[in-house]
Amino acid sequence: MKKAFLFLLMTGAILAGCGTTNHEEEAEEVNGNGEETTNQVHAVLEEQSPLVYQYSVTNESEENIKLEFTSSQRYDYEITNDAGEQIFLYSSVTSFAQVMGEETIDSGEKLQYLIDLREHDIDPGDYRLGAWLTPSSGKKYKAEHSFTVPGEE
């Protein structure tokens, strides 16, 4: 028990110093008048606790953004090692209902998804987490975050 707590404490301290890459993308959307508008959209991966992240996509424009999906999947994520090799892809181990769906990000609102990496058996080392939305077309709003899994001492 003490060893697990010490491991989590050390992991938290190490991860606190890791960098985050947030992306702002211009999303083009056709509004109700058939005119194209440009929207400021921010995708962010924030660490909630060691190996637990929140992926958020925030609409900071004055227009609503409608996203259409071909399944119940709304986002995906991958873990890559320091050599850039993909070691895990969420959608490769998860099943999704094959139903059409949509999400709307209203002006000033955000979509949020929790990503828990604690359930994965990740060897000690440096990694990068990337997350993105999975609409049938348009922008994916990818965000990335570097993290380290410490070795045992």
Protein backbone atom coordinates (compact mmCIF):
# COMPACT_ATOMS: atom_id res chain seq x y z
CA MET A 1 0.00 0.00 0.00
CA LYS A 2 2.77 2.43 0.94
CA LYS A 3 4.70 1.46 -2.17
CA ALA A 4 1.68 2.16 -4.40
CA PHE A 5 1.07 5.52 -2.72
CA LEU A 6 4.75 6.47 -3.10
CA PHE A 7 4.64 5.45 -6.77
CA LEU A 8 1.57 7.63 -7.39
CA LEU A 9 3.09 10.55 -5.52
CA MET A 10 6.34 10.34 -7.50
CA THR A 11 4.44 9.94 -10.78
CA GLY A 12 2.41 13.06 -9.98
CA ALA A 13 5.54 15.07 -9.24
CA ILE A 14 7.19 13.98 -12.46
CA LEU A 15 4.11 14.56 -14.57
CA ALA A 16 3.63 18.02 -13.15
CA GLY A 17 6.79 19.07 -14.96
CA CYS A 18 5.78 17.59 -18.33
CA GLY A 19 4.66 19.82 -21.17
CA THR A 20 1.29 20.16 -22.79
CA THR A 21 0.56 21.09 -26.36
CA ASN A 22 -2.78 22.70 -27.01
CA HIS A 23 -4.09 23.36 -30.47
CA GLU A 24 -6.26 26.16 -31.73
CA GLU A 25 -7.89 25.46 -35.03
CA GLU A 26 -10.00 27.50 -37.34
CA ALA A 27 -13.10 25.47 -38.10
CA GLU A 28 -15.05 26.37 -41.20
CA GLU A 29 -18.74 25.72 -40.93
CA VAL A 30 -21.70 26.60 -43.07
CA ASN A 31 -24.23 28.51 -40.98
CA GLY A 32 -27.98 28.53 -41.52
CA ASN A 33 -27.68 31.19 -44.26
CA GLY A 34 -25.33 29.05 -46.36
CA GLU A 35 -22.39 31.38 -45.57
CA GLU A 36 -19.04 30.10 -44.31
CA THR A 37 -17.95 31.33 -40.90
CA THR A 38 -14.63 30.92 -39.09
CA ASN A 39 -14.66 29.69 -35.50
CA GLN A 40 -12.00 29.74 -32.79
CA VAL A 41 -11.84 26.27 -31.30
CA HIS A 42 -9.33 25.18 -28.65
CA ALA A 43 -8.40 21.57 -27.94
CA VAL A 44 -6.66 20.89 -24.61
CA LEU A 45 -5.42 17.85 -22.67
CA GLU A 46 -5.20 18.64 -18.96
CA GLU A 47 -3.82 16.33 -16.31
CA GLN A 48 -6.40 15.68 -13.57
CA SER A 49 -4.21 13.29 -11.54
CA PRO A 50 -1.31 10.97 -12.39
CA LEU A 51 -2.15 9.24 -15.70
CA VAL A 52 -5.68 10.72 -15.79
CA TYR A 53 -6.38 13.44 -18.36
CA GLN A 54 -9.33 15.51 -19.47
CA TYR A 55 -9.62 16.18 -23.19
CA SER A 56 -11.65 19.34 -23.85
CA VAL A 57 -12.71 21.07 -27.04
CA THR A 58 -13.92 24.63 -26.41
CA ASN A 59 -15.86 26.78 -28.88
CA GLU A 60 -14.89 30.42 -28.29
CA SER A 61 -16.68 31.78 -31.35
CA GLU A 62 -20.11 33.29 -31.70
CA GLU A 63 -21.35 30.38 -33.84
CA ASN A 64 -22.44 26.90 -32.79
CA ILE A 65 -20.40 24.00 -34.20
CA LYS A 66 -22.27 20.89 -35.29
CA LEU A 67 -20.28 17.64 -35.51
CA GLU A 68 -21.70 14.53 -37.17
CA PHE A 69 -20.54 11.01 -36.28
CA THR A 70 -21.03 7.64 -37.99
CA SER A 71 -20.90 5.67 -34.72
CA SER A 72 -21.20 6.16 -30.96
CA GLN A 73 -17.47 6.97 -30.85
CA ARG A 74 -16.88 10.68 -30.19
CA TYR A 75 -13.12 10.77 -29.62
CA ASP A 76 -10.01 8.66 -29.94
CA TYR A 77 -6.59 8.72 -28.35
CA GLU A 78 -3.18 7.20 -28.82
CA ILE A 79 -0.03 6.76 -26.77
CA THR A 80 3.30 7.00 -28.58
CA ASN A 81 6.73 6.26 -27.15
CA ASP A 82 9.74 8.57 -27.33
CA ALA A 83 10.67 7.01 -30.72
CA GLY A 84 7.27 8.10 -32.09
CA GLU A 85 5.91 4.54 -32.29
CA GLN A 86 2.25 4.06 -31.43
CA ILE A 87 1.95 1.69 -28.47
CA PHE A 88 -1.79 2.07 -27.88
CA LEU A 89 -4.83 3.23 -29.87
CA TYR A 90 -8.13 3.45 -27.97
CA SER A 91 -10.33 2.64 -30.98
CA SER A 92 -8.40 -0.55 -31.72
CA VAL A 93 -9.55 -2.17 -28.47
CA THR A 94 -13.02 -0.64 -28.06
CA SER A 95 -16.31 -1.44 -29.78
CA PHE A 96 -18.76 1.29 -30.74
CA ALA A 97 -22.43 1.13 -31.71
CA GLN A 98 -22.86 1.71 -35.46
CA VAL A 99 -25.42 4.49 -35.21
CA MET A 100 -25.40 7.98 -36.67
CA GLY A 101 -25.11 10.76 -34.11
CA GLU A 102 -24.18 14.36 -33.62
CA GLU A 103 -22.82 16.73 -31.03
CA THR A 104 -23.17 20.50 -31.05
CA ILE A 105 -20.66 22.71 -29.27
CA ASP A 106 -22.60 25.86 -28.53
CA SER A 107 -20.83 29.21 -28.49
CA GLY A 108 -18.81 29.48 -25.28
CA GLU A 109 -19.33 25.81 -24.43
CA LYS A 110 -17.08 22.74 -24.50
CA LEU A 111 -17.07 18.99 -24.95
CA GLN A 112 -15.09 17.07 -22.32
CA TYR A 113 -13.91 13.46 -22.13
CA LEU A 114 -11.94 11.74 -19.36
CA ILE A 115 -8.98 9.56 -20.42
CA ASP A 116 -7.67 7.21 -17.74
CA LEU A 117 -4.30 5.66 -18.59
CA ARG A 118 -3.92 3.90 -15.21
CA GLU A 119 -5.60 0.78 -16.59
CA HIS A 120 -2.90 0.36 -19.25
CA ASP A 121 0.29 -1.54 -18.52
CA ILE A 122 2.77 1.14 -19.61
CA ASP A 123 6.49 0.46 -19.13
CA PRO A 124 8.64 3.18 -17.54
CA GLY A 125 9.69 5.83 -20.05
CA ASP A 126 8.71 9.02 -21.86
CA TYR A 127 5.47 9.11 -23.84
CA ARG A 128 3.09 11.38 -25.69
CA LEU A 129 -0.69 11.24 -25.40
CA GLY A 130 -2.69 12.53 -28.35
CA ALA A 131 -6.48 12.91 -28.38
CA TRP A 132 -8.89 14.05 -31.09
CA LEU A 133 -12.56 14.08 -32.02
CA THR A 134 -13.83 11.57 -34.61
CA PRO A 135 -16.47 13.40 -36.68
CA SER A 136 -17.28 12.00 -40.13
CA SER A 137 -15.83 15.16 -41.74
CA GLY A 138 -14.17 18.40 -40.78
CA LYS A 139 -11.59 19.25 -38.15
CA LYS A 140 -10.50 16.70 -35.55
CA TYR A 141 -9.22 19.17 -32.90
CA LYS A 142 -6.17 17.22 -31.77
CA ALA A 143 -4.39 17.96 -28.50
CA GLU A 144 -1.19 16.39 -27.19
CA HIS A 145 0.54 16.03 -23.83
CA SER A 146 3.95 14.60 -22.91
CA PHE A 147 4.24 12.42 -19.82
CA THR A 148 6.69 10.14 -18.07
CA VAL A 149 6.12 6.83 -16.36
CA PRO A 150 8.91 6.50 -13.75
CA GLY A 151 10.87 3.31 -13.19
CA GLU A 152 11.02 1.59 -9.82
CA GLU A 153 13.82 2.72 -7.56
